[in-house]
PDB file of N, CA and C in Angstrom:
ATOM      1  N   UNK A   1       6.981  16.386 -15.508  1.00  0.00           N
ATOM      2  CA  UNK A   1       5.690  15.664 -14.929  1.00  0.00           C
ATOM      3  C   UNK A   1       5.511  14.128 -15.037  1.00  0.00           C
ATOM      4  N   UNK A   2       5.535  13.786 -13.761  1.00  0.00           N
ATOM      5  CA  UNK A   2       5.781  12.422 -13.323  1.00  0.00           C
ATOM      6  C   UNK A   2       4.717  11.365 -13.841  1.00  0.00           C
ATOM      7  N   UNK A   3       4.793  10.353 -14.146  1.00  0.00           N
ATOM      8  CA  UNK A   3       3.399   9.371 -14.509  1.00  0.00           C
ATOM      9  C   UNK A   3       2.954   8.872 -13.102  1.00  0.00           C
ATOM     10  N   UNK A   4       1.878   8.649 -12.826  1.00  0.00           N
ATOM     11  CA  UNK A   4       1.146   8.348 -11.992  1.00  0.00           C
ATOM     12  C   UNK A   4       0.309   6.877 -12.244  1.00  0.00           C
ATOM     13  N   UNK A   5       0.532   5.940 -11.204  1.00  0.00           N
ATOM     14  CA  UNK A   5      -0.147   4.906 -11.694  1.00  0.00           C
ATOM     15  C   UNK A   5      -1.025   4.472 -10.379  1.00  0.00           C
ATOM     16  N   UNK A   6      -2.464   3.926 -10.760  1.00  0.00           N
ATOM     17  CA  UNK A   6      -3.766   4.015  -9.788  1.00  0.00           C
ATOM     18  C   UNK A   6      -4.140   2.622  -9.983  1.00  0.00           C
ATOM     19  N   UNK A   7      -4.386   2.140  -8.729  1.00  0.00           N
ATOM     20  CA  UNK A   7      -4.675   0.622  -8.529  1.00  0.00           C
ATOM     21  C   UNK A   7      -6.121   0.730  -7.735  1.00  0.00           C
ATOM     22  N   UNK A   8      -6.875  -0.322  -7.748  1.00  0.00           N
ATOM     23  CA  UNK A   8      -8.123  -0.621  -7.057  1.00  0.00           C
ATOM     24  C   UNK A   8      -8.989   0.540  -6.838  1.00  0.00           C
ATOM     25  N   UNK A   9      -9.372   1.148  -7.827  1.00  0.00           N
ATOM     26  CA  UNK A   9     -10.419   2.246  -8.030  1.00  0.00           C
ATOM     27  C   UNK A   9      -9.830   3.652  -7.316  1.00  0.00           C
ATOM     28  N   UNK A  10      -8.678   3.357  -7.364  1.00  0.00           N
ATOM     29  CA  UNK A  10      -7.787   4.786  -6.944  1.00  0.00           C
ATOM     30  C   UNK A  10      -7.322   5.051  -5.533  1.00  0.00           C
ATOM     31  N   UNK A  11      -7.607   3.678  -5.022  1.00  0.00           N
ATOM     32  CA  UNK A  11      -7.423   3.655  -3.629  1.00  0.00           C
ATOM     33  C   UNK A  11      -6.045   3.609  -3.087  1.00  0.00           C
ATOM     34  N   UNK A  12      -5.010   2.562  -4.271  1.00  0.00           N
ATOM     35  CA  UNK A  12      -3.694   2.724  -4.029  1.00  0.00           C
ATOM     36  C   UNK A  12      -3.196   3.450  -5.345  1.00  0.00           C
ATOM     37  N   UNK A  13      -2.283   4.547  -4.833  1.00  0.00           N
ATOM     38  CA  UNK A  13      -1.287   5.273  -5.993  1.00  0.00           C
ATOM     39  C   UNK A  13       0.141   5.442  -5.939  1.00  0.00           C
ATOM     40  N   UNK A  14       0.706   4.992  -6.902  1.00  0.00           N
ATOM     41  CA  UNK A  14       2.099   5.361  -7.115  1.00  0.00           C
ATOM     42  C   UNK A  14       2.508   6.499  -8.044  1.00  0.00           C
ATOM     43  N   UNK A  15       3.240   7.203  -7.138  1.00  0.00           N
ATOM     44  CA  UNK A  15       3.689   8.675  -7.608  1.00  0.00           C
ATOM     45  C   UNK A  15       4.824   8.844  -7.159  1.00  0.00           C
ATOM     46  N   UNK A  16       5.899   8.696  -8.738  1.00  0.00           N
ATOM     47  CA  UNK A  16       7.204   9.096  -8.296  1.00  0.00           C
ATOM     48  C   UNK A  16       7.474  10.381  -7.394  1.00  0.00           C
ATOM     49  N   UNK A  17       6.440  11.469  -7.311  1.00  0.00           N
ATOM     50  CA  UNK A  17       6.839  12.392  -6.372  1.00  0.00           C
ATOM     51  C   UNK A  17       6.295  12.619  -4.919  1.00  0.00           C
ATOM     52  N   UNK A  18       5.747  11.278  -4.761  1.00  0.00           N
ATOM     53  CA  UNK A  18       5.040  11.134  -3.580  1.00  0.00           C
ATOM     54  C   UNK A  18       5.887   9.857  -2.515  1.00  0.00           C
ATOM     55  N   UNK A  19       6.449  10.087  -1.399  1.00  0.00           N
ATOM     56  CA  UNK A  19       6.994   8.855  -0.601  1.00  0.00           C
ATOM     57  C   UNK A  19       7.991   8.114  -1.653  1.00  0.00           C
ATOM     58  N   UNK A  20       8.881   8.916  -2.377  1.00  0.00           N
ATOM     59  CA  UNK A  20       9.969   8.321  -3.166  1.00  0.00           C
ATOM     60  C   UNK A  20       9.240   7.150  -3.908  1.00  0.00           C
ATOM     61  N   UNK A  21       8.192   7.193  -4.157  1.00  0.00           N
ATOM     62  CA  UNK A  21       7.683   6.358  -5.531  1.00  0.00           C
ATOM     63  C   UNK A  21       6.789   4.973  -4.932  1.00  0.00           C
ATOM     64  N   UNK A  22       7.034   4.952  -3.617  1.00  0.00           N
ATOM     65  CA  UNK A  22       6.137   3.751  -2.849  1.00  0.00           C
ATOM     66  C   UNK A  22       4.658   4.020  -3.029  1.00  0.00           C
ATOM     67  N   UNK A  23       4.094   3.079  -3.025  1.00  0.00           N
ATOM     68  CA  UNK A  23       2.527   3.083  -3.113  1.00  0.00           C
ATOM     69  C   UNK A  23       2.041   3.087  -1.831  1.00  0.00           C
ATOM     70  N   UNK A  24       0.942   4.350  -2.121  1.00  0.00           N
ATOM     71  CA  UNK A  24       0.347   5.112  -0.824  1.00  0.00           C
ATOM     72  C   UNK A  24      -1.022   5.138  -1.189  1.00  0.00           C
ATOM     73  N   UNK A  25      -1.734   5.570  -0.006  1.00  0.00           N
ATOM     74  CA  UNK A  25      -3.293   5.403  -0.166  1.00  0.00           C
ATOM     75  C   UNK A  25      -3.784   6.720  -0.246  1.00  0.00           C
ATOM     76  N   UNK A  26      -4.692   6.308  -1.436  1.00  0.00           N
ATOM     77  CA  UNK A  26      -5.045   7.563  -2.169  1.00  0.00           C
ATOM     78  C   UNK A  26      -4.652   9.123  -2.024  1.00  0.00           C
ATOM     79  N   UNK A  27      -3.305   9.371  -2.203  1.00  0.00           N
ATOM     80  CA  UNK A  27      -2.858  10.740  -2.291  1.00  0.00           C
ATOM     81  C   UNK A  27      -2.410  11.196  -0.702  1.00  0.00           C
ATOM     82  N   UNK A  28      -2.676  10.137   0.148  1.00  0.00           N
ATOM     83  CA  UNK A  28      -2.153  10.617   1.220  1.00  0.00           C
ATOM     84  C   UNK A  28      -0.464   9.992   1.384  1.00  0.00           C
ATOM     85  N   UNK A  29      -0.074  10.499   2.603  1.00  0.00           N
ATOM     86  CA  UNK A  29       1.493   9.655   2.807  1.00  0.00           C
ATOM     87  C   UNK A  29       1.354   8.569   3.489  1.00  0.00           C
ATOM     88  N   UNK A  30       0.619   8.074   3.383  1.00  0.00           N
ATOM     89  CA  UNK A  30       0.634   6.904   4.161  1.00  0.00           C
ATOM     90  C   UNK A  30       0.831   5.578   3.261  1.00  0.00           C
ATOM     91  N   UNK A  31       2.033   5.145   3.482  1.00  0.00           N
ATOM     92  CA  UNK A  31       2.221   3.532   2.642  1.00  0.00           C
ATOM     93  C   UNK A  31       1.764   2.543   2.584  1.00  0.00           C
ATOM     94  N   UNK A  32       1.499   1.729   1.801  1.00  0.00           N
ATOM     95  CA  UNK A  32       0.772   0.491   1.938  1.00  0.00           C
ATOM     96  C   UNK A  32       1.831  -0.271   2.754  1.00  0.00           C
ATOM     97  N   UNK A  33       2.884  -0.191   2.571  1.00  0.00           N
ATOM     98  CA  UNK A  33       3.960  -0.926   3.719  1.00  0.00           C
ATOM     99  C   UNK A  33       3.476  -0.638   4.948  1.00  0.00           C
ATOM    100  N   UNK A  34       3.406   0.524   5.419  1.00  0.00           N
ATOM    101  CA  UNK A  34       3.163   0.896   6.952  1.00  0.00           C
ATOM    102  C   UNK A  34       1.915   0.139   7.379  1.00  0.00           C
ATOM    103  N   UNK A  35       0.641   0.047   6.616  1.00  0.00           N
ATOM    104  CA  UNK A  35      -0.531  -0.297   6.929  1.00  0.00           C
ATOM    105  C   UNK A  35      -0.179  -2.008   7.055  1.00  0.00           C
ATOM    106  N   UNK A  36       0.729  -2.665   6.189  1.00  0.00           N
ATOM    107  CA  UNK A  36       0.866  -4.074   6.064  1.00  0.00           C
ATOM    108  C   UNK A  36       1.716  -4.151   7.384  1.00  0.00           C
ATOM    109  N   UNK A  37       2.728  -3.273   7.773  1.00  0.00           N
ATOM    110  CA  UNK A  37       3.502  -3.521   8.893  1.00  0.00           C
ATOM    111  C   UNK A  37       2.732  -3.702  10.129  1.00  0.00           C
ATOM    112  N   UNK A  38       1.521  -2.570  10.294  1.00  0.00           N
ATOM    113  CA  UNK A  38       0.937  -2.578  11.348  1.00  0.00           C
ATOM    114  C   UNK A  38       0.390  -3.820  11.736  1.00  0.00           C
ATOM    115  N   UNK A  39      -0.579  -4.351  10.388  1.00  0.00           N
ATOM    116  CA  UNK A  39      -1.155  -5.309  10.527  1.00  0.00           C
ATOM    117  C   UNK A  39      -0.282  -6.569  10.805  1.00  0.00           C
ATOM    118  N   UNK A  40       0.861  -6.624  10.395  1.00  0.00           N
ATOM    119  CA  UNK A  40       1.698  -7.742  10.809  1.00  0.00           C
ATOM    120  C   UNK A  40       2.318  -8.040  12.244  1.00  0.00           C
ATOM    121  N   UNK A  41       2.541  -6.725  13.054  1.00  0.00           N
ATOM    122  CA  UNK A  41       2.531  -6.312  14.143  1.00  0.00           C
ATOM    123  C   UNK A  41       1.338  -6.678  15.077  1.00  0.00           C
ATOM    124  N   UNK A  42       0.153  -7.200  14.733  1.00  0.00           N
ATOM    125  CA  UNK A  42      -0.815  -7.547  15.275  1.00  0.00           C
ATOM    126  C   UNK A  42      -1.668  -6.538  15.483  1.00  0.00           C
ATOM    127  N   UNK A  43      -1.714  -5.341  15.005  1.00  0.00           N
ATOM    128  CA  UNK A  43      -2.779  -4.216  15.054  1.00  0.00           C
ATOM    129  C   UNK A  43      -3.882  -4.589  14.579  1.00  0.00           C
ATOM    130  N   UNK A  44      -5.075  -4.632  14.700  1.00  0.00           N
ATOM    131  CA  UNK A  44      -6.250  -4.671  14.070  1.00  0.00           C
ATOM    132  C   UNK A  44      -6.653  -3.450  13.217  1.00  0.00           C
ATOM    133  N   UNK A  45      -7.602  -3.769  12.341  1.00  0.00           N
ATOM    134  CA  UNK A  45      -7.993  -3.032  11.339  1.00  0.00           C
ATOM    135  C   UNK A  45      -8.581  -1.508  12.155  1.00  0.00           C
ATOM    136  N   UNK A  46      -9.334  -1.899  13.619  1.00  0.00           N
ATOM    137  CA  UNK A  46      -9.929  -0.803  14.045  1.00  0.00           C
ATOM    138  C   UNK A  46      -8.476   0.136  14.740  1.00  0.00           C
ATOM    139  N   UNK A  47      -7.586  -0.534  15.376  1.00  0.00           N
ATOM    140  CA  UNK A  47      -6.665   0.139  15.681  1.00  0.00           C
ATOM    141  C   UNK A  47      -5.917   1.134  14.654  1.00  0.00           C
ATOM    142  N   UNK A  48      -6.031   0.710  13.563  1.00  0.00           N
ATOM    143  CA  UNK A  48      -5.102   1.637  12.743  1.00  0.00           C
ATOM    144  C   UNK A  48      -6.153   2.725  12.392  1.00  0.00           C
ATOM    145  N   UNK A  49      -7.620   2.685  12.201  1.00  0.00           N
ATOM    146  CA  UNK A  49      -8.204   3.503  12.073  1.00  0.00           C
ATOM    147  C   UNK A  49      -8.795   4.769  13.041  1.00  0.00           C
ATOM    148  N   UNK A  50      -8.237   3.990  14.352  1.00  0.00           N
ATOM    149  CA  UNK A  50      -8.354   4.796  15.492  1.00  0.00           C
ATOM    150  C   UNK A  50      -7.128   5.845  15.393  1.00  0.00           C
ATOM    151  N   UNK A  51      -5.898   5.084  15.052  1.00  0.00           N
ATOM    152  CA  UNK A  51      -4.740   6.028  14.946  1.00  0.00           C
ATOM    153  C   UNK A  51      -4.533   6.770  13.854  1.00  0.00           C
ATOM    154  N   UNK A  52      -5.171   6.606  12.803  1.00  0.00           N
ATOM    155  CA  UNK A  52      -5.054   7.145  11.532  1.00  0.00           C
ATOM    156  C   UNK A  52      -6.683   7.671  11.218  1.00  0.00           C
ATOM    157  N   UNK A  53      -7.334   8.475  11.623  1.00  0.00           N
ATOM    158  CA  UNK A  53      -8.523   8.751  11.121  1.00  0.00           C
ATOM    159  C   UNK A  53      -8.792   9.414   9.756  1.00  0.00           C
ATOM    160  N   UNK A  54      -7.886   9.703   9.217  1.00  0.00           N
ATOM    161  CA  UNK A  54      -8.160   9.906   7.816  1.00  0.00           C
ATOM    162  C   UNK A  54      -8.041   8.861   6.653  1.00  0.00           C
ATOM    163  N   UNK A  55      -7.900   7.597   7.568  1.00  0.00           N
ATOM    164  CA  UNK A  55      -8.377   6.414   6.567  1.00  0.00           C
ATOM    165  C   UNK A  55      -9.764   5.949   6.726  1.00  0.00           C
ATOM    166  N   UNK A  56     -10.014   4.884   5.948  1.00  0.00           N
ATOM    167  CA  UNK A  56     -11.157   4.266   5.779  1.00  0.00           C
ATOM    168  C   UNK A  56     -10.923   2.928   6.191  1.00  0.00           C
ATOM    169  N   UNK A  57     -11.870   1.965   6.515  1.00  0.00           N
ATOM    170  CA  UNK A  57     -11.665   0.599   6.595  1.00  0.00           C
ATOM    171  C   UNK A  57     -11.353   0.279   4.849  1.00  0.00           C
ATOM    172  N   UNK A  58     -11.929   0.535   4.041  1.00  0.00           N
ATOM    173  CA  UNK A  58     -11.693   0.026   2.585  1.00  0.00           C
ATOM    174  C   UNK A  58     -10.404   0.128   2.400  1.00  0.00           C
ATOM    175  N   UNK A  59      -9.785   1.408   2.591  1.00  0.00           N
ATOM    176  CA  UNK A  59      -8.360   1.715   2.456  1.00  0.00           C
ATOM    177  C   UNK A  59      -7.642   0.641   3.074  1.00  0.00           C
ATOM    178  N   UNK A  60      -7.382  -0.066   4.461  1.00  0.00           N
ATOM    179  CA  UNK A  60      -6.808  -0.994   4.729  1.00  0.00           C
ATOM    180  C   UNK A  60      -6.739  -2.201   4.268  1.00  0.00           C
ATOM    181  N   UNK A  61      -8.573  -2.573   3.705  1.00  0.00           N
ATOM    182  CA  UNK A  61      -8.501  -3.714   3.030  1.00  0.00           C
ATOM    183  C   UNK A  61      -7.934  -3.651   1.404  1.00  0.00           C
ATOM    184  N   UNK A  62      -7.900  -2.485   1.015  1.00  0.00           N
ATOM    185  CA  UNK A  62      -7.300  -2.379  -0.513  1.00  0.00           C
ATOM    186  C   UNK A  62      -5.792  -2.580  -0.174  1.00  0.00           C
ATOM    187  N   UNK A  63      -5.002  -2.050   0.829  1.00  0.00           N
ATOM    188  CA  UNK A  63      -3.515  -2.554   0.894  1.00  0.00           C
ATOM    189  C   UNK A  63      -3.274  -4.179   1.004  1.00  0.00           C
ATOM    190  N   UNK A  64      -4.208  -4.790   1.784  1.00  0.00           N
ATOM    191  CA  UNK A  64      -4.212  -6.333   1.828  1.00  0.00           C
ATOM    192  C   UNK A  64      -4.235  -6.783   0.556  1.00  0.00           C
ATOM    193  N   UNK A  65      -5.398  -6.366  -0.459  1.00  0.00           N
ATOM    194  CA  UNK A  65      -5.659  -6.656  -1.577  1.00  0.00           C
ATOM    195  C   UNK A  65      -4.541  -6.400  -2.817  1.00  0.00           C
ATOM    196  N   UNK A  66      -3.993  -5.229  -2.317  1.00  0.00           N
ATOM    197  CA  UNK A  66      -2.787  -5.194  -3.370  1.00  0.00           C
ATOM    198  C   UNK A  66      -1.579  -5.831  -2.980  1.00  0.00           C
ATOM    199  N   UNK A  67      -1.361  -6.162  -1.941  1.00  0.00           N
ATOM    200  CA  UNK A  67      -0.456  -6.723  -1.354  1.00  0.00           C
ATOM    201  C   UNK A  67      -0.152  -8.340  -1.971  1.00  0.00           C
ATOM    202  N   UNK A  68      -1.659  -8.771  -1.996  1.00  0.00           N
ATOM    203  CA  UNK A  68      -2.046 -10.151  -2.353  1.00  0.00           C
ATOM    204  C   UNK A  68      -1.718 -10.196  -4.145  1.00  0.00           C
ATOM    205  N   UNK A  69      -2.209  -9.180  -4.771  1.00  0.00           N
ATOM    206  CA  UNK A  69      -2.121  -9.108  -5.911  1.00  0.00           C
ATOM    207  C   UNK A  69      -0.424  -9.168  -6.443  1.00  0.00           C
ATOM    208  N   UNK A  70       0.072  -8.246  -5.843  1.00  0.00           N
ATOM    209  CA  UNK A  70       1.926  -8.402  -6.014  1.00  0.00           C
ATOM    210  C   UNK A  70       2.390  -9.772  -5.780  1.00  0.00           C
ATOM    211  N   UNK A  71       1.843 -10.570  -4.744  1.00  0.00           N
ATOM    212  CA  UNK A  71       2.352 -12.135  -4.564  1.00  0.00           C
ATOM    213  C   UNK A  71       1.476 -13.180  -5.493  1.00  0.00           C
ATOM    214  N   UNK A  72       0.778 -12.728  -6.308  1.00  0.00           N
ATOM    215  CA  UNK A  72       0.227 -13.233  -7.152  1.00  0.00           C
ATOM    216  C   UNK A  72       1.127 -13.574  -8.614  1.00  0.00           C
ATOM    217  N   UNK A  73       2.178 -12.257  -8.686  1.00  0.00           N
ATOM    218  CA  UNK A  73       2.808 -12.460  -9.773  1.00  0.00           C
ATOM    219  C   UNK A  73       3.922 -13.755  -9.819  1.00  0.00           C
ATOM    220  N   UNK A  74       4.500 -13.604 -11.044  1.00  0.00           N
ATOM    221  CA  UNK A  74       5.705 -14.739 -11.000  1.00  0.00           C
ATOM    222  C   UNK A  74       7.099 -13.742 -11.020  1.00  0.00           C
ATOM    223  N   UNK A  75       7.783 -14.803 -10.282  1.00  0.00           N
ATOM    224  CA  UNK A  75       9.310 -14.118  -9.836  1.00  0.00           C
ATOM    225  C   UNK A  75      10.006 -14.870 -10.299  1.00  0.00           C
ATOM    226  N   UNK A  76      11.269 -14.367 -10.879  1.00  0.00           N
ATOM    227  CA  UNK A  76      12.566 -15.514 -11.164  1.00  0.00           C
ATOM    228  C   UNK A  76      13.684 -14.870 -10.519  1.00  0.00           C
ATOM    229  N   UNK A  77      14.514 -16.188 -10.102  1.00  0.00           N
ATOM    230  CA  UNK A  77      15.314 -15.611  -9.329  1.00  0.00           C
ATOM    231  C   UNK A  77      16.811 -15.619 -10.361  1.00  0.00           C
ATOM    232  N   UNK A  78      17.442 -14.312  -9.999  1.00  0.00           N
ATOM    233  CA  UNK A  78      18.790 -14.169 -10.754  1.00  0.00           C
ATOM    234  C   UNK A  78      20.158 -14.417 -10.115  1.00  0.00           C
ATOM    235  N   UNK A  79      20.852 -15.158 -10.942  1.00  0.00           N
ATOM    236  CA  UNK A  79      22.005 -15.120 -10.002  1.00  0.00           C
ATOM    237  C   UNK A  79      22.973 -14.153 -10.294  1.00  0.00           C
ATOM    238  N   UNK A  80      23.397 -13.612  -9.096  1.00  0.00           N
ATOM    239  CA  UNK A  80      24.369 -12.643  -9.062  1.00  0.00           C
ATOM    240  C   UNK A  80      25.730 -13.058  -8.861  1.00  0.00           C
ATOM    241  N   UNK A  81      26.888 -12.525 -10.031  1.00  0.00           N
ATOM    242  CA  UNK A  81      27.888 -13.297  -9.949  1.00  0.00           C
ATOM    243  C   UNK A  81      28.443 -13.399  -8.601  1.00  0.00           C
TER     244      UNK A  81
END
């Protein structure tokens, strides 16, 4: 049995058994990355919700919040031979 991580009141889930362990929206097979890519391509929240009616506005916002939290981490660059 794999270990599952949950974030933002369960809206974002990381399960090694789902989508190769990529963060997904609350048990659906919609990755956070996909939602962010749609937004980055110029799609609006309304566009995404129309195309994927199983999502809620709070899911889209959770993806943005999750990405913001990741970017708030400290990152160290390692030199590779």
